[in-house]
Amino acid sequence: MAREKAEEGLTSLGAQRTDYGYDYAPEALETFQNQHTDHDYWVRFNCPEFTTLCPITGQPDYGTIYISYMPAERMVESKSLKLYLVSFRNHGDF
């Protein structure tokens, strides 16, 4: 029951087929209710394959993104975070 409730409203998690959009898509980010608000803990994501386009030269830029946070009421769903980061692939920004 708790798992079903946690997955409610998540569209990427468990999808049989994933569509990778290559246009900037902040709407890809999804969150779910933190089931353990009674204590503090760290959530960490390491994203070693981040790519985007330089808005001046159009050349690809590469980087690693480290995200660490202590969740309060909501948490970021990891697959949706990956899809969000992929959406920068053809996006020109600093």
PDB file of N, CA and C in Angstrom:
ATOM      1  N   MET A   1       0.824  -1.193   0.000  1.00  0.00           N
ATOM      2  CA  MET A   1       0.000   0.000   0.000  1.00  0.00           C
ATOM      3  C   MET A   1       0.867   1.255   0.000  1.00  0.00           C
ATOM      4  N   ALA A   2       1.918   1.291   0.843  1.00  0.00           N
ATOM      5  CA  ALA A   2       2.786   2.476   0.912  1.00  0.00           C
ATOM      6  C   ALA A   2       3.506   2.687  -0.412  1.00  0.00           C
ATOM      7  N   ARG A   3       3.927   1.593  -1.052  1.00  0.00           N
ATOM      8  CA  ARG A   3       4.616   1.714  -2.340  1.00  0.00           C
ATOM      9  C   ARG A   3       3.687   2.289  -3.402  1.00  0.00           C
ATOM     10  N   GLU A   4       2.453   1.793  -3.461  1.00  0.00           N
ATOM     11  CA  GLU A   4       1.489   2.309  -4.432  1.00  0.00           C
ATOM     12  C   GLU A   4       1.254   3.797  -4.214  1.00  0.00           C
ATOM     13  N   LYS A   5       1.168   4.206  -2.972  1.00  0.00           N
ATOM     14  CA  LYS A   5       0.946   5.607  -2.654  1.00  0.00           C
ATOM     15  C   LYS A   5       2.151   6.449  -3.068  1.00  0.00           C
ATOM     16  N   ALA A   6       3.367   5.925  -2.851  1.00  0.00           N
ATOM     17  CA  ALA A   6       4.586   6.645  -3.216  1.00  0.00           C
ATOM     18  C   ALA A   6       4.686   6.823  -4.725  1.00  0.00           C
ATOM     19  N   GLU A   7       4.219   5.841  -5.484  1.00  0.00           N
ATOM     20  CA  GLU A   7       4.311   5.891  -6.941  1.00  0.00           C
ATOM     21  C   GLU A   7       3.183   6.706  -7.578  1.00  0.00           C
ATOM     22  N   GLU A   8       2.201   7.084  -6.817  1.00  0.00           N
ATOM     23  CA  GLU A   8       1.066   7.832  -7.347  1.00  0.00           C
ATOM     24  C   GLU A   8       1.530   9.150  -7.966  1.00  0.00           C
ATOM     25  N   GLY A   9       1.174   9.380  -9.203  1.00  0.00           N
ATOM     26  CA  GLY A   9       1.527  10.622  -9.874  1.00  0.00           C
ATOM     27  C   GLY A   9       2.868  10.588 -10.577  1.00  0.00           C
ATOM     28  N   LEU A  10       3.627   9.500 -10.452  1.00  0.00           N
ATOM     29  CA  LEU A  10       4.914   9.402 -11.133  1.00  0.00           C
ATOM     30  C   LEU A  10       4.697   8.753 -12.491  1.00  0.00           C
ATOM     31  N   THR A  11       5.100   9.438 -13.553  1.00  0.00           N
ATOM     32  CA  THR A  11       4.836   8.920 -14.892  1.00  0.00           C
ATOM     33  C   THR A  11       6.028   8.194 -15.504  1.00  0.00           C
ATOM     34  N   SER A  12       7.259   8.501 -15.068  1.00  0.00           N
ATOM     35  CA  SER A  12       8.441   7.880 -15.656  1.00  0.00           C
ATOM     36  C   SER A  12       8.792   6.561 -14.998  1.00  0.00           C
ATOM     37  N   LEU A  13       8.598   6.473 -13.693  1.00  0.00           N
ATOM     38  CA  LEU A  13       8.973   5.293 -12.934  1.00  0.00           C
ATOM     39  C   LEU A  13       8.174   4.086 -13.394  1.00  0.00           C
ATOM     40  N   GLY A  14       8.863   3.020 -13.785  1.00  0.00           N
ATOM     41  CA  GLY A  14       8.200   1.789 -14.197  1.00  0.00           C
ATOM     42  C   GLY A  14       7.651   1.797 -15.606  1.00  0.00           C
ATOM     43  N   ALA A  15       7.860   2.875 -16.341  1.00  0.00           N
ATOM     44  CA  ALA A  15       7.361   2.931 -17.720  1.00  0.00           C
ATOM     45  C   ALA A  15       8.066   1.874 -18.561  1.00  0.00           C
ATOM     46  N   GLN A  16       7.320   1.171 -19.368  1.00  0.00           N
ATOM     47  CA  GLN A  16       7.896   0.136 -20.216  1.00  0.00           C
ATOM     48  C   GLN A  16       8.800   0.717 -21.300  1.00  0.00           C
ATOM     49  N   ARG A  17       8.462   1.899 -21.758  1.00  0.00           N
ATOM     50  CA  ARG A  17       9.242   2.544 -22.803  1.00  0.00           C
ATOM     51  C   ARG A  17       9.488   3.980 -22.370  1.00  0.00           C
ATOM     52  N   THR A  18      10.751   4.392 -22.458  1.00  0.00           N
ATOM     53  CA  THR A  18      11.106   5.747 -22.055  1.00  0.00           C
ATOM     54  C   THR A  18      11.377   6.576 -23.295  1.00  0.00           C
ATOM     55  N   ASP A  19      10.696   7.694 -23.410  1.00  0.00           N
ATOM     56  CA  ASP A  19      10.948   8.636 -24.499  1.00  0.00           C
ATOM     57  C   ASP A  19      11.934   9.677 -24.003  1.00  0.00           C
ATOM     58  N   TYR A  20      13.084   9.739 -24.658  1.00  0.00           N
ATOM     59  CA  TYR A  20      14.112  10.699 -24.284  1.00  0.00           C
ATOM     60  C   TYR A  20      13.947  11.943 -25.132  1.00  0.00           C
ATOM     61  N   GLY A  21      13.398  12.981 -24.529  1.00  0.00           N
ATOM     62  CA  GLY A  21      13.272  14.245 -25.233  1.00  0.00           C
ATOM     63  C   GLY A  21      14.598  14.983 -25.183  1.00  0.00           C
ATOM     64  N   TYR A  22      14.972  15.587 -26.249  1.00  0.00           N
ATOM     65  CA  TYR A  22      16.247  16.300 -26.289  1.00  0.00           C
ATOM     66  C   TYR A  22      16.048  17.803 -26.346  1.00  0.00           C
ATOM     67  N   ASP A  23      14.882  18.266 -25.937  1.00  0.00           N
ATOM     68  CA  ASP A  23      14.613  19.691 -25.767  1.00  0.00           C
ATOM     69  C   ASP A  23      14.503  19.940 -24.275  1.00  0.00           C
ATOM     70  N   TYR A  24      14.962  21.096 -23.842  1.00  0.00           N
ATOM     71  CA  TYR A  24      14.937  21.439 -22.422  1.00  0.00           C
ATOM     72  C   TYR A  24      13.555  21.189 -21.848  1.00  0.00           C
ATOM     73  N   ALA A  25      13.476  20.381 -20.780  1.00  0.00           N
ATOM     74  CA  ALA A  25      12.179  19.942 -20.268  1.00  0.00           C
ATOM     75  C   ALA A  25      12.136  19.932 -18.733  1.00  0.00           C
ATOM     76  N   PRO A  26      11.971  21.110 -18.106  1.00  0.00           N
ATOM     77  CA  PRO A  26      11.868  21.109 -16.642  1.00  0.00           C
ATOM     78  C   PRO A  26      10.648  20.343 -16.135  1.00  0.00           C
ATOM     79  N   GLU A  27       9.656  20.168 -16.978  1.00  0.00           N
ATOM     80  CA  GLU A  27       8.461  19.428 -16.566  1.00  0.00           C
ATOM     81  C   GLU A  27       8.745  17.939 -16.376  1.00  0.00           C
ATOM     82  N   ALA A  28       9.920  17.482 -16.776  1.00  0.00           N
ATOM     83  CA  ALA A  28      10.291  16.078 -16.585  1.00  0.00           C
ATOM     84  C   ALA A  28      10.517  15.737 -15.115  1.00  0.00           C
ATOM     85  N   LEU A  29      10.857  16.737 -14.296  1.00  0.00           N
ATOM     86  CA  LEU A  29      11.115  16.492 -12.880  1.00  0.00           C
ATOM     87  C   LEU A  29       9.837  16.103 -12.146  1.00  0.00           C
ATOM     88  N   GLU A  30       9.923  15.020 -11.392  1.00  0.00           N
ATOM     89  CA  GLU A  30       8.791  14.563 -10.594  1.00  0.00           C
ATOM     90  C   GLU A  30       9.250  14.366  -9.155  1.00  0.00           C
ATOM     91  N   THR A  31       8.325  14.506  -8.235  1.00  0.00           N
ATOM     92  CA  THR A  31       8.633  14.307  -6.826  1.00  0.00           C
ATOM     93  C   THR A  31       7.615  13.350  -6.214  1.00  0.00           C
ATOM     94  N   PHE A  32       7.969  12.830  -5.061  1.00  0.00           N
ATOM     95  CA  PHE A  32       7.040  11.983  -4.323  1.00  0.00           C
ATOM     96  C   PHE A  32       7.177  12.280  -2.837  1.00  0.00           C
ATOM     97  N   GLN A  33       6.208  11.833  -2.072  1.00  0.00           N
ATOM     98  CA  GLN A  33       6.153  12.093  -0.641  1.00  0.00           C
ATOM     99  C   GLN A  33       7.276  11.347   0.079  1.00  0.00           C
ATOM    100  N   ASN A  34       8.021  12.050   0.932  1.00  0.00           N
ATOM    101  CA  ASN A  34       9.049  11.437   1.767  1.00  0.00           C
ATOM    102  C   ASN A  34       8.347  10.608   2.848  1.00  0.00           C
ATOM    103  N   GLN A  35       8.615   9.313   2.881  1.00  0.00           N
ATOM    104  CA  GLN A  35       7.973   8.417   3.841  1.00  0.00           C
ATOM    105  C   GLN A  35       8.665   8.414   5.208  1.00  0.00           C
ATOM    106  N   HIS A  36       9.825   9.106   5.310  1.00  0.00           N
ATOM    107  CA  HIS A  36      10.604   9.070   6.551  1.00  0.00           C
ATOM    108  C   HIS A  36      10.938  10.478   7.025  1.00  0.00           C
ATOM    109  N   THR A  37       9.924  11.296   7.201  1.00  0.00           N
ATOM    110  CA  THR A  37      10.146  12.672   7.649  1.00  0.00           C
ATOM    111  C   THR A  37      10.533  12.752   9.121  1.00  0.00           C
ATOM    112  N   ASP A  38      10.482  11.634   9.818  1.00  0.00           N
ATOM    113  CA  ASP A  38      10.773  11.625  11.246  1.00  0.00           C
ATOM    114  C   ASP A  38      12.267  11.658  11.570  1.00  0.00           C
ATOM    115  N   HIS A  39      13.128  11.510  10.553  1.00  0.00           N
ATOM    116  CA  HIS A  39      14.568  11.619  10.796  1.00  0.00           C
ATOM    117  C   HIS A  39      15.277  12.191   9.569  1.00  0.00           C
ATOM    118  N   ASP A  40      16.448  12.768   9.809  1.00  0.00           N
ATOM    119  CA  ASP A  40      17.231  13.374   8.730  1.00  0.00           C
ATOM    120  C   ASP A  40      18.145  12.344   8.086  1.00  0.00           C
ATOM    121  N   TYR A  41      18.285  12.424   6.788  1.00  0.00           N
ATOM    122  CA  TYR A  41      19.216  11.592   6.042  1.00  0.00           C
ATOM    123  C   TYR A  41      19.545  12.290   4.737  1.00  0.00           C
ATOM    124  N   TRP A  42      20.645  11.890   4.127  1.00  0.00           N
ATOM    125  CA  TRP A  42      21.101  12.503   2.877  1.00  0.00           C
ATOM    126  C   TRP A  42      20.660  11.685   1.686  1.00  0.00           C
ATOM    127  N   VAL A  43      20.265  12.380   0.621  1.00  0.00           N
ATOM    128  CA  VAL A  43      20.022  11.775  -0.680  1.00  0.00           C
ATOM    129  C   VAL A  43      21.079  12.352  -1.599  1.00  0.00           C
ATOM    130  N   ARG A  44      21.777  11.469  -2.324  1.00  0.00           N
ATOM    131  CA  ARG A  44      22.858  11.929  -3.201  1.00  0.00           C
ATOM    132  C   ARG A  44      22.682  11.367  -4.597  1.00  0.00           C
ATOM    133  N   PHE A  45      22.906  12.224  -5.572  1.00  0.00           N
ATOM    134  CA  PHE A  45      22.927  11.834  -6.980  1.00  0.00           C
ATOM    135  C   PHE A  45      24.258  12.291  -7.562  1.00  0.00           C
ATOM    136  N   ASN A  46      24.943  11.412  -8.263  1.00  0.00           N
ATOM    137  CA  ASN A  46      26.146  11.772  -9.011  1.00  0.00           C
ATOM    138  C   ASN A  46      25.826  11.597 -10.486  1.00  0.00           C
ATOM    139  N   CYS A  47      25.992  12.656 -11.248  1.00  0.00           N
ATOM    140  CA  CYS A  47      25.646  12.657 -12.668  1.00  0.00           C
ATOM    141  C   CYS A  47      26.916  12.942 -13.472  1.00  0.00           C
ATOM    142  N   PRO A  48      27.716  11.897 -13.790  1.00  0.00           N
ATOM    143  CA  PRO A  48      29.017  12.112 -14.417  1.00  0.00           C
ATOM    144  C   PRO A  48      28.961  12.357 -15.925  1.00  0.00           C
ATOM    145  N   GLU A  49      27.797  12.276 -16.522  1.00  0.00           N
ATOM    146  CA  GLU A  49      27.709  12.382 -17.984  1.00  0.00           C
ATOM    147  C   GLU A  49      26.859  13.547 -18.448  1.00  0.00           C
ATOM    148  N   PHE A  50      26.877  14.647 -17.708  1.00  0.00           N
ATOM    149  CA  PHE A  50      26.069  15.805 -18.080  1.00  0.00           C
ATOM    150  C   PHE A  50      26.647  16.472 -19.321  1.00  0.00           C
ATOM    151  N   THR A  51      25.792  16.757 -20.299  1.00  0.00           N
ATOM    152  CA  THR A  51      26.220  17.470 -21.504  1.00  0.00           C
ATOM    153  C   THR A  51      25.203  18.559 -21.833  1.00  0.00           C
ATOM    154  N   THR A  52      25.710  19.625 -22.408  1.00  0.00           N
ATOM    155  CA  THR A  52      24.883  20.722 -22.889  1.00  0.00           C
ATOM    156  C   THR A  52      25.650  21.388 -24.021  1.00  0.00           C
ATOM    157  N   LEU A  53      25.067  22.370 -24.643  1.00  0.00           N
ATOM    158  CA  LEU A  53      25.738  23.091 -25.722  1.00  0.00           C
ATOM    159  C   LEU A  53      26.137  24.479 -25.253  1.00  0.00           C
ATOM    160  N   CYS A  54      27.323  24.894 -25.642  1.00  0.00           N
ATOM    161  CA  CYS A  54      27.749  26.260 -25.364  1.00  0.00           C
ATOM    162  C   CYS A  54      26.874  27.196 -26.195  1.00  0.00           C
ATOM    163  N   PRO A  55      26.249  28.196 -25.578  1.00  0.00           N
ATOM    164  CA  PRO A  55      25.357  29.076 -26.328  1.00  0.00           C
ATOM    165  C   PRO A  55      26.095  29.995 -27.304  1.00  0.00           C
ATOM    166  N   ILE A  56      27.399  30.133 -27.138  1.00  0.00           N
ATOM    167  CA  ILE A  56      28.172  31.005 -28.030  1.00  0.00           C
ATOM    168  C   ILE A  56      28.744  30.234 -29.211  1.00  0.00           C
ATOM    169  N   THR A  57      29.416  29.124 -28.923  1.00  0.00           N
ATOM    170  CA  THR A  57      30.088  28.371 -29.992  1.00  0.00           C
ATOM    171  C   THR A  57      29.258  27.234 -30.547  1.00  0.00           C
ATOM    172  N   GLY A  58      28.265  26.775 -29.786  1.00  0.00           N
ATOM    173  CA  GLY A  58      27.483  25.620 -30.211  1.00  0.00           C
ATOM    174  C   GLY A  58      28.200  24.302 -29.969  1.00  0.00           C
ATOM    175  N   GLN A  59      29.393  24.364 -29.393  1.00  0.00           N
ATOM    176  CA  GLN A  59      30.167  23.164 -29.108  1.00  0.00           C
ATOM    177  C   GLN A  59      29.609  22.485 -27.853  1.00  0.00           C
ATOM    178  N   PRO A  60      29.745  21.161 -27.774  1.00  0.00           N
ATOM    179  CA  PRO A  60      29.255  20.476 -26.575  1.00  0.00           C
ATOM    180  C   PRO A  60      30.126  20.773 -25.371  1.00  0.00           C
ATOM    181  N   ASP A  61      29.496  20.945 -24.232  1.00  0.00           N
ATOM    182  CA  ASP A  61      30.171  21.092 -22.953  1.00  0.00           C
ATOM    183  C   ASP A  61      29.828  19.872 -22.112  1.00  0.00           C
ATOM    184  N   TYR A  62      30.808  19.410 -21.357  1.00  0.00           N
ATOM    185  CA  TYR A  62      30.643  18.218 -20.537  1.00  0.00           C
ATOM    186  C   TYR A  62      30.903  18.568 -19.083  1.00  0.00           C
ATOM    187  N   GLY A  63      30.277  17.861 -18.202  1.00  0.00           N
ATOM    188  CA  GLY A  63      30.522  18.113 -16.790  1.00  0.00           C
ATOM    189  C   GLY A  63      29.954  17.014 -15.923  1.00  0.00           C
ATOM    190  N   THR A  64      30.296  17.081 -14.659  1.00  0.00           N
ATOM    191  CA  THR A  64      29.754  16.184 -13.654  1.00  0.00           C
ATOM    192  C   THR A  64      28.973  17.028 -12.655  1.00  0.00           C
ATOM    193  N   ILE A  65      27.787  16.585 -12.334  1.00  0.00           N
ATOM    194  CA  ILE A  65      26.940  17.281 -11.370  1.00  0.00           C
ATOM    195  C   ILE A  65      26.774  16.386 -10.148  1.00  0.00           C
ATOM    196  N   TYR A  66      27.030  16.973  -8.987  1.00  0.00           N
ATOM    197  CA  TYR A  66      26.824  16.281  -7.718  1.00  0.00           C
ATOM    198  C   TYR A  66      25.684  16.980  -6.985  1.00  0.00           C
ATOM    199  N   ILE A  67      24.678  16.218  -6.622  1.00  0.00           N
ATOM    200  CA  ILE A  67      23.531  16.764  -5.904  1.00  0.00           C
ATOM    201  C   ILE A  67      23.420  16.026  -4.568  1.00  0.00           C
ATOM    202  N   SER A  68      23.389  16.773  -3.484  1.00  0.00           N
ATOM    203  CA  SER A  68      23.189  16.210  -2.147  1.00  0.00           C
ATOM    204  C   SER A  68      22.151  17.067  -1.436  1.00  0.00           C
ATOM    205  N   TYR A  69      21.158  16.418  -0.851  1.00  0.00           N
ATOM    206  CA  TYR A  69      20.160  17.179  -0.095  1.00  0.00           C
ATOM    207  C   TYR A  69      19.545  16.310   0.996  1.00  0.00           C
ATOM    208  N   MET A  70      19.014  16.978   2.000  1.00  0.00           N
ATOM    209  CA  MET A  70      18.230  16.319   3.044  1.00  0.00           C
ATOM    210  C   MET A  70      16.767  16.582   2.718  1.00  0.00           C
ATOM    211  N   PRO A  71      16.023  15.555   2.366  1.00  0.00           N
ATOM    212  CA  PRO A  71      14.632  15.785   1.976  1.00  0.00           C
ATOM    213  C   PRO A  71      13.757  16.192   3.153  1.00  0.00           C
ATOM    214  N   ALA A  72      12.806  17.044   2.876  1.00  0.00           N
ATOM    215  CA  ALA A  72      11.809  17.439   3.875  1.00  0.00           C
ATOM    216  C   ALA A  72      10.534  16.654   3.564  1.00  0.00           C
ATOM    217  N   GLU A  73       9.547  17.310   3.004  1.00  0.00           N
ATOM    218  CA  GLU A  73       8.261  16.668   2.713  1.00  0.00           C
ATOM    219  C   GLU A  73       8.274  15.855   1.418  1.00  0.00           C
ATOM    220  N   ARG A  74       9.042  16.331   0.409  1.00  0.00           N
ATOM    221  CA  ARG A  74       9.038  15.688  -0.904  1.00  0.00           C
ATOM    222  C   ARG A  74      10.457  15.314  -1.299  1.00  0.00           C
ATOM    223  N   MET A  75      10.556  14.327  -2.205  1.00  0.00           N
ATOM    224  CA  MET A  75      11.844  13.875  -2.711  1.00  0.00           C
ATOM    225  C   MET A  75      11.813  13.865  -4.232  1.00  0.00           C
ATOM    226  N   VAL A  76      12.971  14.029  -4.851  1.00  0.00           N
ATOM    227  CA  VAL A  76      13.075  13.988  -6.311  1.00  0.00           C
ATOM    228  C   VAL A  76      13.161  12.529  -6.748  1.00  0.00           C
ATOM    229  N   GLU A  77      12.364  12.158  -7.717  1.00  0.00           N
ATOM    230  CA  GLU A  77      12.393  10.810  -8.264  1.00  0.00           C
ATOM    231  C   GLU A  77      13.597  10.718  -9.195  1.00  0.00           C
ATOM    232  N   SER A  78      14.452   9.713  -9.019  1.00  0.00           N
ATOM    233  CA  SER A  78      15.755   9.660  -9.700  1.00  0.00           C
ATOM    234  C   SER A  78      15.650   9.518 -11.221  1.00  0.00           C
ATOM    235  N   LYS A  79      14.721   8.721 -11.723  1.00  0.00           N
ATOM    236  CA  LYS A  79      14.610   8.580 -13.180  1.00  0.00           C
ATOM    237  C   LYS A  79      14.183   9.900 -13.805  1.00  0.00           C
ATOM    238  N   SER A  80      13.278  10.618 -13.161  1.00  0.00           N
ATOM    239  CA  SER A  80      12.848  11.902 -13.718  1.00  0.00           C
ATOM    240  C   SER A  80      13.999  12.906 -13.698  1.00  0.00           C
ATOM    241  N   LEU A  81      14.872  12.821 -12.693  1.00  0.00           N
ATOM    242  CA  LEU A  81      16.046  13.695 -12.658  1.00  0.00           C
ATOM    243  C   LEU A  81      16.970  13.394 -13.830  1.00  0.00           C
ATOM    244  N   LYS A  82      17.176  12.125 -14.120  1.00  0.00           N
ATOM    245  CA  LYS A  82      18.013  11.745 -15.266  1.00  0.00           C
ATOM    246  C   LYS A  82      17.418  12.267 -16.569  1.00  0.00           C
ATOM    247  N   LEU A  83      16.104  12.135 -16.732  1.00  0.00           N
ATOM    248  CA  LEU A  83      15.453  12.639 -17.943  1.00  0.00           C
ATOM    249  C   LEU A  83      15.565  14.158 -18.043  1.00  0.00           C
ATOM    250  N   TYR A  84      15.465  14.839 -16.917  1.00  0.00           N
ATOM    251  CA  TYR A  84      15.628  16.291 -16.894  1.00  0.00           C
ATOM    252  C   TYR A  84      17.042  16.674 -17.328  1.00  0.00           C
ATOM    253  N   LEU A  85      18.042  15.996 -16.795  1.00  0.00           N
ATOM    254  CA  LEU A  85      19.426  16.310 -17.160  1.00  0.00           C
ATOM    255  C   LEU A  85      19.710  15.992 -18.626  1.00  0.00           C
ATOM    256  N   VAL A  86      19.123  14.927 -19.155  1.00  0.00           N
ATOM    257  CA  VAL A  86      19.279  14.611 -20.581  1.00  0.00           C
ATOM    258  C   VAL A  86      18.675  15.715 -21.441  1.00  0.00           C
ATOM    259  N   SER A  87      17.664  16.389 -20.926  1.00  0.00           N
ATOM    260  CA  SER A  87      16.992  17.428 -21.713  1.00  0.00           C
ATOM    261  C   SER A  87      17.902  18.623 -22.002  1.00  0.00           C
ATOM    262  N   PHE A  88      19.026  18.729 -21.315  1.00  0.00           N
ATOM    263  CA  PHE A  88      19.981  19.801 -21.570  1.00  0.00           C
ATOM    264  C   PHE A  88      20.881  19.499 -22.764  1.00  0.00           C
ATOM    265  N   ARG A  89      20.851  18.290 -23.256  1.00  0.00           N
ATOM    266  CA  ARG A  89      21.784  17.832 -24.293  1.00  0.00           C
ATOM    267  C   ARG A  89      21.852  18.754 -25.506  1.00  0.00           C
ATOM    268  N   ASN A  90      20.732  19.223 -25.979  1.00  0.00           N
ATOM    269  CA  ASN A  90      20.706  20.119 -27.140  1.00  0.00           C
ATOM    270  C   ASN A  90      20.333  21.542 -26.759  1.00  0.00           C
ATOM    271  N   HIS A  91      20.449  21.863 -25.507  1.00  0.00           N
ATOM    272  CA  HIS A  91      20.061  23.179 -24.991  1.00  0.00           C
ATOM    273  C   HIS A  91      21.307  24.035 -24.814  1.00  0.00           C
ATOM    274  N   GLY A  92      21.312  25.219 -25.379  1.00  0.00           N
ATOM    275  CA  GLY A  92      22.439  26.126 -25.239  1.00  0.00           C
ATOM    276  C   GLY A  92      22.273  27.018 -24.023  1.00  0.00           C
ATOM    277  N   ASP A  93      23.137  26.823 -23.032  1.00  0.00           N
ATOM    278  CA  ASP A  93      23.046  27.622 -21.816  1.00  0.00           C
ATOM    279  C   ASP A  93      24.349  27.512 -21.045  1.00  0.00           C
ATOM    280  N   PHE A  94      24.579  28.479 -20.166  1.00  0.00           N
ATOM    281  CA  PHE A  94      25.754  28.414 -19.312  1.00  0.00           C
ATOM    282  C   PHE A  94      25.425  27.723 -18.026  1.00  0.00           C
TER     283      PHE A  94
END
